Amino acid sequence: NIFAVGWFRQAPGREREGISCISSAGEMSYYSDEMKGRFTISRDK
């Protein structure tokens, strides 16, 4: 029973950073400011 799926990244010496996520039904999505215009999240149910 999935609520959401997200992508995170972590570079050495840095904290893990959320970059994008999408709700189970795809009705909501999120991008960090650094990713907007460059990254696109999508879902294939």
ModelCIF file with pLDDT and N, C-alpha, C, O atoms, coordinates in Angstrom:
data_MODEL
#
_entry.id   MODEL 
#
_entity.id                         1 
_entity.type                       polymer 
_entity.pdbx_number_of_molecules   1 
#
_entity_poly.entity_id                      1 
_entity_poly.type                           'polypeptide(L)' 
_entity_poly.nstd_linkage                   no 
_entity_poly.nstd_monomer                   no 
_entity_poly.pdbx_seq_one_letter_code       NIFAVGWFRQAPGREREGISCISSAGEMSYYSDEMKGRFTISRDK 
_entity_poly.pdbx_seq_one_letter_code_can   NIFAVGWFRQAPGREREGISCISSAGEMSYYSDEMKGRFTISRDK 
_entity_poly.pdbx_strand_id                 A 
#
loop_
_entity_poly_seq.entity_id 
_entity_poly_seq.num 
_entity_poly_seq.mon_id 
_entity_poly_seq.hetero 
1 1  ASN n 
1 2  ILE n 
1 3  PHE n 
1 4  ALA n 
1 5  VAL n 
1 6  GLY n 
1 7  TRP n 
1 8  PHE n 
1 9  ARG n 
1 10 GLN n 
1 11 ALA n 
1 12 PRO n 
1 13 GLY n 
1 14 ARG n 
1 15 GLU n 
1 16 ARG n 
1 17 GLU n 
1 18 GLY n 
1 19 ILE n 
1 20 SER n 
1 21 CYS n 
1 22 ILE n 
1 23 SER n 
1 24 SER n 
1 25 ALA n 
1 26 GLY n 
1 27 GLU n 
1 28 MET n 
1 29 SER n 
1 30 TYR n 
1 31 TYR n 
1 32 SER n 
1 33 ASP n 
1 34 GLU n 
1 35 MET n 
1 36 LYS n 
1 37 GLY n 
1 38 ARG n 
1 39 PHE n 
1 40 THR n 
1 41 ILE n 
1 42 SER n 
1 43 ARG n 
1 44 ASP n 
1 45 LYS n 
#
_struct_asym.id          A 
_struct_asym.entity_id   1 
#
loop_
_ma_qa_metric.id 
_ma_qa_metric.mode 
_ma_qa_metric.name 
_ma_qa_metric.software_group_id 
_ma_qa_metric.type 
1 global pLDDT . pLDDT 
2 local  pLDDT . pLDDT 
#
_ma_qa_metric_global.metric_id      1 
_ma_qa_metric_global.metric_value   88.00 
_ma_qa_metric_global.model_id       1 
_ma_qa_metric_global.ordinal_id     1 
#
loop_
_ma_qa_metric_local.label_asym_id 
_ma_qa_metric_local.label_comp_id 
_ma_qa_metric_local.label_seq_id 
_ma_qa_metric_local.metric_id 
_ma_qa_metric_local.metric_value 
_ma_qa_metric_local.model_id 
_ma_qa_metric_local.ordinal_id 
A ASN 1  2 85.00 1 1  
A ILE 2  2 85.00 1 2  
A PHE 3  2 89.00 1 3  
A ALA 4  2 90.00 1 4  
A VAL 5  2 91.00 1 5  
A GLY 6  2 92.00 1 6  
A TRP 7  2 94.00 1 7  
A PHE 8  2 96.00 1 8  
A ARG 9  2 96.00 1 9  
A GLN 10 2 97.00 1 10 
A ALA 11 2 96.00 1 11 
A PRO 12 2 89.00 1 12 
A GLY 13 2 92.00 1 13 
A ARG 14 2 94.00 1 14 
A GLU 15 2 95.00 1 15 
A ARG 16 2 95.00 1 16 
A GLU 17 2 93.00 1 17 
A GLY 18 2 92.00 1 18 
A ILE 19 2 91.00 1 19 
A SER 20 2 91.00 1 20 
A CYS 21 2 90.00 1 21 
A ILE 22 2 90.00 1 22 
A SER 23 2 86.00 1 23 
A SER 24 2 77.00 1 24 
A ALA 25 2 74.00 1 25 
A GLY 26 2 70.00 1 26 
A GLU 27 2 72.00 1 27 
A MET 28 2 79.00 1 28 
A SER 29 2 82.00 1 29 
A TYR 30 2 81.00 1 30 
A TYR 31 2 85.00 1 31 
A SER 32 2 86.00 1 32 
A ASP 33 2 86.00 1 33 
A GLU 34 2 82.00 1 34 
A MET 35 2 85.00 1 35 
A LYS 36 2 83.00 1 36 
A GLY 37 2 89.00 1 37 
A ARG 38 2 94.00 1 38 
A PHE 39 2 94.00 1 39 
A THR 40 2 93.00 1 40 
A ILE 41 2 91.00 1 41 
A SER 42 2 91.00 1 42 
A ARG 43 2 89.00 1 43 
A ASP 44 2 88.00 1 44 
A LYS 45 2 80.00 1 45 
#
loop_
_atom_site.group_PDB 
_atom_site.id 
_atom_site.type_symbol 
_atom_site.label_atom_id 
_atom_site.label_alt_id 
_atom_site.label_comp_id 
_atom_site.label_asym_id 
_atom_site.label_entity_id 
_atom_site.label_seq_id 
_atom_site.pdbx_PDB_ins_code 
_atom_site.Cartn_x 
_atom_site.Cartn_y 
_atom_site.Cartn_z 
_atom_site.occupancy 
_atom_site.B_iso_or_equiv 
_atom_site.pdbx_formal_charge 
_atom_site.auth_seq_id 
_atom_site.auth_comp_id 
_atom_site.auth_asym_id 
_atom_site.auth_atom_id 
_atom_site.pdbx_PDB_model_num 
ATOM 1   N N  . ASN A 1 1  ? 0.860  -1.176 0.000   1.00 85.00 ? 1  ASN A N  1 
ATOM 2   C CA . ASN A 1 1  ? 0.000  0.000  0.000   1.00 85.00 ? 1  ASN A CA 1 
ATOM 3   C C  . ASN A 1 1  ? 0.901  1.231  0.000   1.00 85.00 ? 1  ASN A C  1 
ATOM 4   O O  . ASN A 1 1  ? 1.283  1.735  1.056   1.00 85.00 ? 1  ASN A O  1 
ATOM 5   N N  . ILE A 1 2  ? 1.228  1.701  -1.180  1.00 85.00 ? 2  ILE A N  1 
ATOM 6   C CA . ILE A 1 2  ? 2.242  2.727  -1.348  1.00 85.00 ? 2  ILE A CA 1 
ATOM 7   C C  . ILE A 1 2  ? 1.646  4.111  -1.157  1.00 85.00 ? 2  ILE A C  1 
ATOM 8   O O  . ILE A 1 2  ? 0.602  4.442  -1.719  1.00 85.00 ? 2  ILE A O  1 
ATOM 9   N N  . PHE A 1 3  ? 2.330  4.909  -0.353  1.00 89.00 ? 3  PHE A N  1 
ATOM 10  C CA . PHE A 1 3  ? 1.952  6.307  -0.178  1.00 89.00 ? 3  PHE A CA 1 
ATOM 11  C C  . PHE A 1 3  ? 2.688  7.195  -1.178  1.00 89.00 ? 3  PHE A C  1 
ATOM 12  O O  . PHE A 1 3  ? 2.083  8.054  -1.819  1.00 89.00 ? 3  PHE A O  1 
ATOM 13  N N  . ALA A 1 4  ? 3.989  6.985  -1.304  1.00 90.00 ? 4  ALA A N  1 
ATOM 14  C CA . ALA A 1 4  ? 4.777  7.802  -2.207  1.00 90.00 ? 4  ALA A CA 1 
ATOM 15  C C  . ALA A 1 4  ? 6.100  7.110  -2.494  1.00 90.00 ? 4  ALA A C  1 
ATOM 16  O O  . ALA A 1 4  ? 6.541  6.237  -1.746  1.00 90.00 ? 4  ALA A O  1 
ATOM 17  N N  . VAL A 1 5  ? 6.719  7.516  -3.585  1.00 91.00 ? 5  VAL A N  1 
ATOM 18  C CA . VAL A 1 5  ? 8.050  7.062  -3.939  1.00 91.00 ? 5  VAL A CA 1 
ATOM 19  C C  . VAL A 1 5  ? 8.900  8.285  -4.236  1.00 91.00 ? 5  VAL A C  1 
ATOM 20  O O  . VAL A 1 5  ? 8.474  9.190  -4.955  1.00 91.00 ? 5  VAL A O  1 
ATOM 21  N N  . GLY A 1 6  ? 10.092 8.307  -3.685  1.00 92.00 ? 6  GLY A N  1 
ATOM 22  C CA . GLY A 1 6  ? 10.955 9.451  -3.867  1.00 92.00 ? 6  GLY A CA 1 
ATOM 23  C C  . GLY A 1 6  ? 12.369 9.061  -4.216  1.00 92.00 ? 6  GLY A C  1 
ATOM 24  O O  . GLY A 1 6  ? 12.782 7.912  -4.057  1.00 92.00 ? 6  GLY A O  1 
ATOM 25  N N  . TRP A 1 7  ? 13.104 10.053 -4.697  1.00 94.00 ? 7  TRP A N  1 
ATOM 26  C CA . TRP A 1 7  ? 14.519 9.914  -4.987  1.00 94.00 ? 7  TRP A CA 1 
ATOM 27  C C  . TRP A 1 7  ? 15.316 10.820 -4.067  1.00 94.00 ? 7  TRP A C  1 
ATOM 28  O O  . TRP A 1 7  ? 14.967 11.980 -3.844  1.00 94.00 ? 7  TRP A O  1 
ATOM 29  N N  . PHE A 1 8  ? 16.382 10.267 -3.545  1.00 96.00 ? 8  PHE A N  1 
ATOM 30  C CA . PHE A 1 8  ? 17.315 10.989 -2.695  1.00 96.00 ? 8  PHE A CA 1 
ATOM 31  C C  . PHE A 1 8  ? 18.715 10.824 -3.264  1.00 96.00 ? 8  PHE A C  1 
ATOM 32  O O  . PHE A 1 8  ? 18.968 9.941  -4.083  1.00 96.00 ? 8  PHE A O  1 
ATOM 33  N N  . ARG A 1 9  ? 19.608 11.675 -2.825  1.00 96.00 ? 9  ARG A N  1 
ATOM 34  C CA . ARG A 1 9  ? 20.998 11.520 -3.201  1.00 96.00 ? 9  ARG A CA 1 
ATOM 35  C C  . ARG A 1 9  ? 21.890 11.893 -2.035  1.00 96.00 ? 9  ARG A C  1 
ATOM 36  O O  . ARG A 1 9  ? 21.506 12.664 -1.155  1.00 96.00 ? 9  ARG A O  1 
ATOM 37  N N  . GLN A 1 10 ? 23.078 11.335 -2.046  1.00 97.00 ? 10 GLN A N  1 
ATOM 38  C CA . GLN A 1 10 ? 24.039 11.618 -0.995  1.00 97.00 ? 10 GLN A CA 1 
ATOM 39  C C  . GLN A 1 10 ? 25.447 11.564 -1.566  1.00 97.00 ? 10 GLN A C  1 
ATOM 40  O O  . GLN A 1 10 ? 25.867 10.556 -2.134  1.00 97.00 ? 10 GLN A O  1 
ATOM 41  N N  . ALA A 1 11 ? 26.153 12.650 -1.406  1.00 96.00 ? 11 ALA A N  1 
ATOM 42  C CA . ALA A 1 11 ? 27.549 12.721 -1.780  1.00 96.00 ? 11 ALA A CA 1 
ATOM 43  C C  . ALA A 1 11 ? 28.407 12.520 -0.534  1.00 96.00 ? 11 ALA A C  1 
ATOM 44  O O  . ALA A 1 11 ? 27.943 12.773 0.578   1.00 96.00 ? 11 ALA A O  1 
ATOM 45  N N  . PRO A 1 12 ? 29.645 12.071 -0.702  1.00 89.00 ? 12 PRO A N  1 
ATOM 46  C CA . PRO A 1 12 ? 30.514 11.876 0.461   1.00 89.00 ? 12 PRO A CA 1 
ATOM 47  C C  . PRO A 1 12 ? 30.640 13.133 1.300   1.00 89.00 ? 12 PRO A C  1 
ATOM 48  O O  . PRO A 1 12 ? 30.890 14.220 0.779   1.00 89.00 ? 12 PRO A O  1 
ATOM 49  N N  . GLY A 1 13 ? 30.466 12.975 2.604   1.00 92.00 ? 13 GLY A N  1 
ATOM 50  C CA . GLY A 1 13 ? 30.578 14.096 3.514   1.00 92.00 ? 13 GLY A CA 1 
ATOM 51  C C  . GLY A 1 13 ? 29.365 14.995 3.579   1.00 92.00 ? 13 GLY A C  1 
ATOM 52  O O  . GLY A 1 13 ? 29.385 16.013 4.272   1.00 92.00 ? 13 GLY A O  1 
ATOM 53  N N  . ARG A 1 14 ? 28.314 14.640 2.876   1.00 94.00 ? 14 ARG A N  1 
ATOM 54  C CA . ARG A 1 14 ? 27.117 15.458 2.867   1.00 94.00 ? 14 ARG A CA 1 
ATOM 55  C C  . ARG A 1 14 ? 25.917 14.657 3.363   1.00 94.00 ? 14 ARG A C  1 
ATOM 56  O O  . ARG A 1 14 ? 25.918 13.427 3.331   1.00 94.00 ? 14 ARG A O  1 
ATOM 57  N N  . GLU A 1 15 ? 24.902 15.371 3.819   1.00 95.00 ? 15 GLU A N  1 
ATOM 58  C CA . GLU A 1 15 ? 23.683 14.728 4.256   1.00 95.00 ? 15 GLU A CA 1 
ATOM 59  C C  . GLU A 1 15 ? 22.872 14.252 3.059   1.00 95.00 ? 15 GLU A C  1 
ATOM 60  O O  . GLU A 1 15 ? 22.968 14.801 1.962   1.00 95.00 ? 15 GLU A O  1 
ATOM 61  N N  . ARG A 1 16 ? 22.083 13.236 3.293   1.00 95.00 ? 16 ARG A N  1 
ATOM 62  C CA . ARG A 1 16 ? 21.196 12.757 2.256   1.00 95.00 ? 16 ARG A CA 1 
ATOM 63  C C  . ARG A 1 16 ? 20.143 13.816 1.952   1.00 95.00 ? 16 ARG A C  1 
ATOM 64  O O  . ARG A 1 16 ? 19.560 14.412 2.858   1.00 95.00 ? 16 ARG A O  1 
ATOM 65  N N  . GLU A 1 17 ? 19.913 14.035 0.679   1.00 93.00 ? 17 GLU A N  1 
ATOM 66  C CA . GLU A 1 17 ? 19.074 15.118 0.199   1.00 93.00 ? 17 GLU A CA 1 
ATOM 67  C C  . GLU A 1 17 ? 17.934 14.569 -0.635  1.00 93.00 ? 17 GLU A C  1 
ATOM 68  O O  . GLU A 1 17 ? 18.153 13.791 -1.563  1.00 93.00 ? 17 GLU A O  1 
ATOM 69  N N  . GLY A 1 18 ? 16.718 14.973 -0.307  1.00 92.00 ? 18 GLY A N  1 
ATOM 70  C CA . GLY A 1 18 ? 15.582 14.627 -1.128  1.00 92.00 ? 18 GLY A CA 1 
ATOM 71  C C  . GLY A 1 18 ? 15.552 15.490 -2.376  1.00 92.00 ? 18 GLY A C  1 
ATOM 72  O O  . GLY A 1 18 ? 15.687 16.710 -2.291  1.00 92.00 ? 18 GLY A O  1 
ATOM 73  N N  . ILE A 1 19 ? 15.377 14.870 -3.532  1.00 91.00 ? 19 ILE A N  1 
ATOM 74  C CA . ILE A 1 19 ? 15.401 15.623 -4.775  1.00 91.00 ? 19 ILE A CA 1 
ATOM 75  C C  . ILE A 1 19 ? 14.058 15.610 -5.501  1.00 91.00 ? 19 ILE A C  1 
ATOM 76  O O  . ILE A 1 19 ? 13.734 16.561 -6.212  1.00 91.00 ? 19 ILE A O  1 
ATOM 77  N N  . SER A 1 20 ? 13.280 14.556 -5.332  1.00 91.00 ? 20 SER A N  1 
ATOM 78  C CA . SER A 1 20 ? 12.011 14.473 -6.042  1.00 91.00 ? 20 SER A CA 1 
ATOM 79  C C  . SER A 1 20 ? 11.187 13.337 -5.470  1.00 91.00 ? 20 SER A C  1 
ATOM 80  O O  . SER A 1 20 ? 11.732 12.343 -4.989  1.00 91.00 ? 20 SER A O  1 
ATOM 81  N N  . CYS A 1 21 ? 9.874  13.486 -5.524  1.00 90.00 ? 21 CYS A N  1 
ATOM 82  C CA . CYS A 1 21 ? 8.997  12.400 -5.116  1.00 90.00 ? 21 CYS A CA 1 
ATOM 83  C C  . CYS A 1 21 ? 7.680  12.506 -5.868  1.00 90.00 ? 21 CYS A C  1 
ATOM 84  O O  . CYS A 1 21 ? 7.340  13.550 -6.425  1.00 90.00 ? 21 CYS A O  1 
ATOM 85  N N  . ILE A 1 22 ? 6.951  11.404 -5.869  1.00 90.00 ? 22 ILE A N  1 
ATOM 86  C CA . ILE A 1 22 ? 5.673  11.344 -6.548  1.00 90.00 ? 22 ILE A CA 1 
ATOM 87  C C  . ILE A 1 22 ? 4.739  10.469 -5.726  1.00 90.00 ? 22 ILE A C  1 
ATOM 88  O O  . ILE A 1 22 ? 5.160  9.458  -5.165  1.00 90.00 ? 22 ILE A O  1 
ATOM 89  N N  . SER A 1 23 ? 3.483  10.857 -5.656  1.00 86.00 ? 23 SER A N  1 
ATOM 90  C CA . SER A 1 23 ? 2.505  10.075 -4.915  1.00 86.00 ? 23 SER A CA 1 
ATOM 91  C C  . SER A 1 23 ? 2.167  8.805  -5.678  1.00 86.00 ? 23 SER A C  1 
ATOM 92  O O  . SER A 1 23 ? 2.449  8.680  -6.869  1.00 86.00 ? 23 SER A O  1 
ATOM 93  N N  . SER A 1 24 ? 1.559  7.872  -4.970  1.00 77.00 ? 24 SER A N  1 
ATOM 94  C CA . SER A 1 24 ? 1.251  6.580  -5.570  1.00 77.00 ? 24 SER A CA 1 
ATOM 95  C C  . SER A 1 24 ? 0.391  6.707  -6.815  1.00 77.00 ? 24 SER A C  1 
ATOM 96  O O  . SER A 1 24 ? 0.625  6.028  -7.815  1.00 77.00 ? 24 SER A O  1 
ATOM 97  N N  . ALA A 1 25 ? -0.611 7.586  -6.750  1.00 74.00 ? 25 ALA A N  1 
ATOM 98  C CA . ALA A 1 25 ? -1.504 7.789  -7.885  1.00 74.00 ? 25 ALA A CA 1 
ATOM 99  C C  . ALA A 1 25 ? -0.962 8.795  -8.895  1.00 74.00 ? 25 ALA A C  1 
ATOM 100 O O  . ALA A 1 25 ? -1.546 8.974  -9.964  1.00 74.00 ? 25 ALA A O  1 
ATOM 101 N N  . GLY A 1 26 ? 0.129  9.443  -8.572  1.00 70.00 ? 26 GLY A N  1 
ATOM 102 C CA . GLY A 1 26 ? 0.720  10.403 -9.476  1.00 70.00 ? 26 GLY A CA 1 
ATOM 103 C C  . GLY A 1 26 ? 0.081  11.778 -9.463  1.00 70.00 ? 26 GLY A C  1 
ATOM 104 O O  . GLY A 1 26 ? 0.387  12.611 -10.317 1.00 70.00 ? 26 GLY A O  1 
ATOM 105 N N  . GLU A 1 27 ? -0.807 12.029 -8.501  1.00 72.00 ? 27 GLU A N  1 
ATOM 106 C CA . GLU A 1 27 ? -1.492 13.314 -8.477  1.00 72.00 ? 27 GLU A CA 1 
ATOM 107 C C  . GLU A 1 27 ? -0.655 14.430 -7.874  1.00 72.00 ? 27 GLU A C  1 
ATOM 108 O O  . GLU A 1 27 ? -0.984 15.606 -8.030  1.00 72.00 ? 27 GLU A O  1 
ATOM 109 N N  . MET A 1 28 ? 0.421  14.073 -7.188  1.00 79.00 ? 28 MET A N  1 
ATOM 110 C CA . MET A 1 28 ? 1.314  15.053 -6.596  1.00 79.00 ? 28 MET A CA 1 
ATOM 111 C C  . MET A 1 28 ? 2.755  14.708 -6.932  1.00 79.00 ? 28 MET A C  1 
ATOM 112 O O  . MET A 1 28 ? 3.126  13.537 -7.013  1.00 79.00 ? 28 MET A O  1 
ATOM 113 N N  . SER A 1 29 ? 3.539  15.716 -7.121  1.00 82.00 ? 29 SER A N  1 
ATOM 114 C CA . SER A 1 29 ? 4.959  15.533 -7.353  1.00 82.00 ? 29 SER A CA 1 
ATOM 115 C C  . SER A 1 29 ? 5.714  16.691 -6.729  1.00 82.00 ? 29 SER A C  1 
ATOM 116 O O  . SER A 1 29 ? 5.152  17.759 -6.490  1.00 82.00 ? 29 SER A O  1 
ATOM 117 N N  . TYR A 1 30 ? 6.984  16.468 -6.469  1.00 81.00 ? 30 TYR A N  1 
ATOM 118 C CA . TYR A 1 30 ? 7.814  17.463 -5.820  1.00 81.00 ? 30 TYR A CA 1 
ATOM 119 C C  . TYR A 1 30 ? 9.196  17.446 -6.444  1.00 81.00 ? 30 TYR A C  1 
ATOM 120 O O  . TYR A 1 30 ? 9.732  16.393 -6.790  1.00 81.00 ? 30 TYR A O  1 
ATOM 121 N N  . TYR A 1 31 ? 9.755  18.628 -6.579  1.00 85.00 ? 31 TYR A N  1 
ATOM 122 C CA . TYR A 1 31 ? 11.134 18.786 -7.013  1.00 85.00 ? 31 TYR A CA 1 
ATOM 123 C C  . TYR A 1 31 ? 11.810 19.813 -6.128  1.00 85.00 ? 31 TYR A C  1 
ATOM 124 O O  . TYR A 1 31 ? 11.219 20.839 -5.791  1.00 85.00 ? 31 TYR A O  1 
ATOM 125 N N  . SER A 1 32 ? 13.033 19.541 -5.759  1.00 86.00 ? 32 SER A N  1 
ATOM 126 C CA . SER A 1 32 ? 13.803 20.561 -5.071  1.00 86.00 ? 32 SER A CA 1 
ATOM 127 C C  . SER A 1 32 ? 14.122 21.690 -6.050  1.00 86.00 ? 32 SER A C  1 
ATOM 128 O O  . SER A 1 32 ? 14.067 21.509 -7.266  1.00 86.00 ? 32 SER A O  1 
ATOM 129 N N  . ASP A 1 33 ? 14.454 22.847 -5.504  1.00 86.00 ? 33 ASP A N  1 
ATOM 130 C CA . ASP A 1 33 ? 14.708 24.003 -6.361  1.00 86.00 ? 33 ASP A CA 1 
ATOM 131 C C  . ASP A 1 33 ? 15.840 23.748 -7.343  1.00 86.00 ? 33 ASP A C  1 
ATOM 132 O O  . ASP A 1 33 ? 15.803 24.233 -8.473  1.00 86.00 ? 33 ASP A O  1 
ATOM 133 N N  . GLU A 1 34 ? 16.831 23.002 -6.927  1.00 82.00 ? 34 GLU A N  1 
ATOM 134 C CA . GLU A 1 34 ? 17.975 22.738 -7.794  1.00 82.00 ? 34 GLU A CA 1 
ATOM 135 C C  . GLU A 1 34 ? 17.619 21.843 -8.969  1.00 82.00 ? 34 GLU A C  1 
ATOM 136 O O  . GLU A 1 34 ? 18.314 21.852 -9.986  1.00 82.00 ? 34 GLU A O  1 
ATOM 137 N N  . MET A 1 35 ? 16.551 21.072 -8.845  1.00 85.00 ? 35 MET A N  1 
ATOM 138 C CA . MET A 1 35 ? 16.174 20.113 -9.873  1.00 85.00 ? 35 MET A CA 1 
ATOM 139 C C  . MET A 1 35 ? 15.123 20.638 -10.841 1.00 85.00 ? 35 MET A C  1 
ATOM 140 O O  . MET A 1 35 ? 14.977 20.111 -11.943 1.00 85.00 ? 35 MET A O  1 
ATOM 141 N N  . LYS A 1 36 ? 14.401 21.657 -10.444 1.00 83.00 ? 36 LYS A N  1 
ATOM 142 C CA . LYS A 1 36 ? 13.327 22.166 -11.292 1.00 83.00 ? 36 LYS A CA 1 
ATOM 143 C C  . LYS A 1 36 ? 13.881 22.615 -12.637 1.00 83.00 ? 36 LYS A C  1 
ATOM 144 O O  . LYS A 1 36 ? 14.869 23.345 -12.712 1.00 83.00 ? 36 LYS A O  1 
ATOM 145 N N  . GLY A 1 37 ? 13.222 22.162 -13.695 1.00 89.00 ? 37 GLY A N  1 
ATOM 146 C CA . GLY A 1 37 ? 13.649 22.486 -15.037 1.00 89.00 ? 37 GLY A CA 1 
ATOM 147 C C  . GLY A 1 37 ? 14.676 21.537 -15.606 1.00 89.00 ? 37 GLY A C  1 
ATOM 148 O O  . GLY A 1 37 ? 14.951 21.580 -16.806 1.00 89.00 ? 37 GLY A O  1 
ATOM 149 N N  . ARG A 1 38 ? 15.252 20.682 -14.784 1.00 94.00 ? 38 ARG A N  1 
ATOM 150 C CA . ARG A 1 38 ? 16.254 19.725 -15.239 1.00 94.00 ? 38 ARG A CA 1 
ATOM 151 C C  . ARG A 1 38 ? 15.821 18.277 -15.033 1.00 94.00 ? 38 ARG A C  1 
ATOM 152 O O  . ARG A 1 38 ? 16.106 17.422 -15.872 1.00 94.00 ? 38 ARG A O  1 
ATOM 153 N N  . PHE A 1 39 ? 15.145 17.998 -13.940 1.00 94.00 ? 39 PHE A N  1 
ATOM 154 C CA . PHE A 1 39 ? 14.738 16.634 -13.604 1.00 94.00 ? 39 PHE A CA 1 
ATOM 155 C C  . PHE A 1 39 ? 13.237 16.486 -13.762 1.00 94.00 ? 39 PHE A C  1 
ATOM 156 O O  . PHE A 1 39 ? 12.481 17.425 -13.513 1.00 94.00 ? 39 PHE A O  1 
ATOM 157 N N  . THR A 1 40 ? 12.813 15.306 -14.176 1.00 93.00 ? 40 THR A N  1 
ATOM 158 C CA . THR A 1 40 ? 11.397 14.991 -14.305 1.00 93.00 ? 40 THR A CA 1 
ATOM 159 C C  . THR A 1 40 ? 11.135 13.615 -13.730 1.00 93.00 ? 40 THR A C  1 
ATOM 160 O O  . THR A 1 40 ? 11.766 12.638 -14.133 1.00 93.00 ? 40 THR A O  1 
ATOM 161 N N  . ILE A 1 41 ? 10.209 13.532 -12.792 1.00 91.00 ? 41 ILE A N  1 
ATOM 162 C CA . ILE A 1 41 ? 9.859  12.254 -12.197 1.00 91.00 ? 41 ILE A CA 1 
ATOM 163 C C  . ILE A 1 41 ? 8.588  11.737 -12.849 1.00 91.00 ? 41 ILE A C  1 
ATOM 164 O O  . ILE A 1 41 ? 7.690  12.513 -13.175 1.00 91.00 ? 41 ILE A O  1 
ATOM 165 N N  . SER A 1 42 ? 8.514  10.440 -13.035 1.00 91.00 ? 42 SER A N  1 
ATOM 166 C CA . SER A 1 42 ? 7.345  9.828  -13.645 1.00 91.00 ? 42 SER A CA 1 
ATOM 167 C C  . SER A 1 42 ? 7.143  8.436  -13.064 1.00 91.00 ? 42 SER A C  1 
ATOM 168 O O  . SER A 1 42 ? 8.038  7.868  -12.439 1.00 91.00 ? 42 SER A O  1 
ATOM 169 N N  . ARG A 1 43 ? 5.966  7.908  -13.282 1.00 89.00 ? 43 ARG A N  1 
ATOM 170 C CA . ARG A 1 43 ? 5.606  6.619  -12.719 1.00 89.00 ? 43 ARG A CA 1 
ATOM 171 C C  . ARG A 1 43 ? 4.932  5.761  -13.773 1.00 89.00 ? 43 ARG A C  1 
ATOM 172 O O  . ARG A 1 43 ? 4.096  6.240  -14.539 1.00 89.00 ? 43 ARG A O  1 
ATOM 173 N N  . ASP A 1 44 ? 5.298  4.507  -13.806 1.00 88.00 ? 44 ASP A N  1 
ATOM 174 C CA . ASP A 1 44 ? 4.647  3.518  -14.648 1.00 88.00 ? 44 ASP A CA 1 
ATOM 175 C C  . ASP A 1 44 ? 4.059  2.473  -13.712 1.00 88.00 ? 44 ASP A C  1 
ATOM 176 O O  . ASP A 1 44 ? 4.759  1.566  -13.263 1.00 88.00 ? 44 ASP A O  1 
ATOM 177 N N  . LYS A 1 45 ? 2.791  2.603  -13.427 1.00 80.00 ? 45 LYS A N  1 
ATOM 178 C CA . LYS A 1 45 ? 2.156  1.732  -12.451 1.00 80.00 ? 45 LYS A CA 1 
ATOM 179 C C  . LYS A 1 45 ? 2.181  0.278  -12.892 1.00 80.00 ? 45 LYS A C  1 
ATOM 180 O O  . LYS A 1 45 ? 1.683  -0.592 -12.178 1.00 80.00 ? 45 LYS A O  1 
#
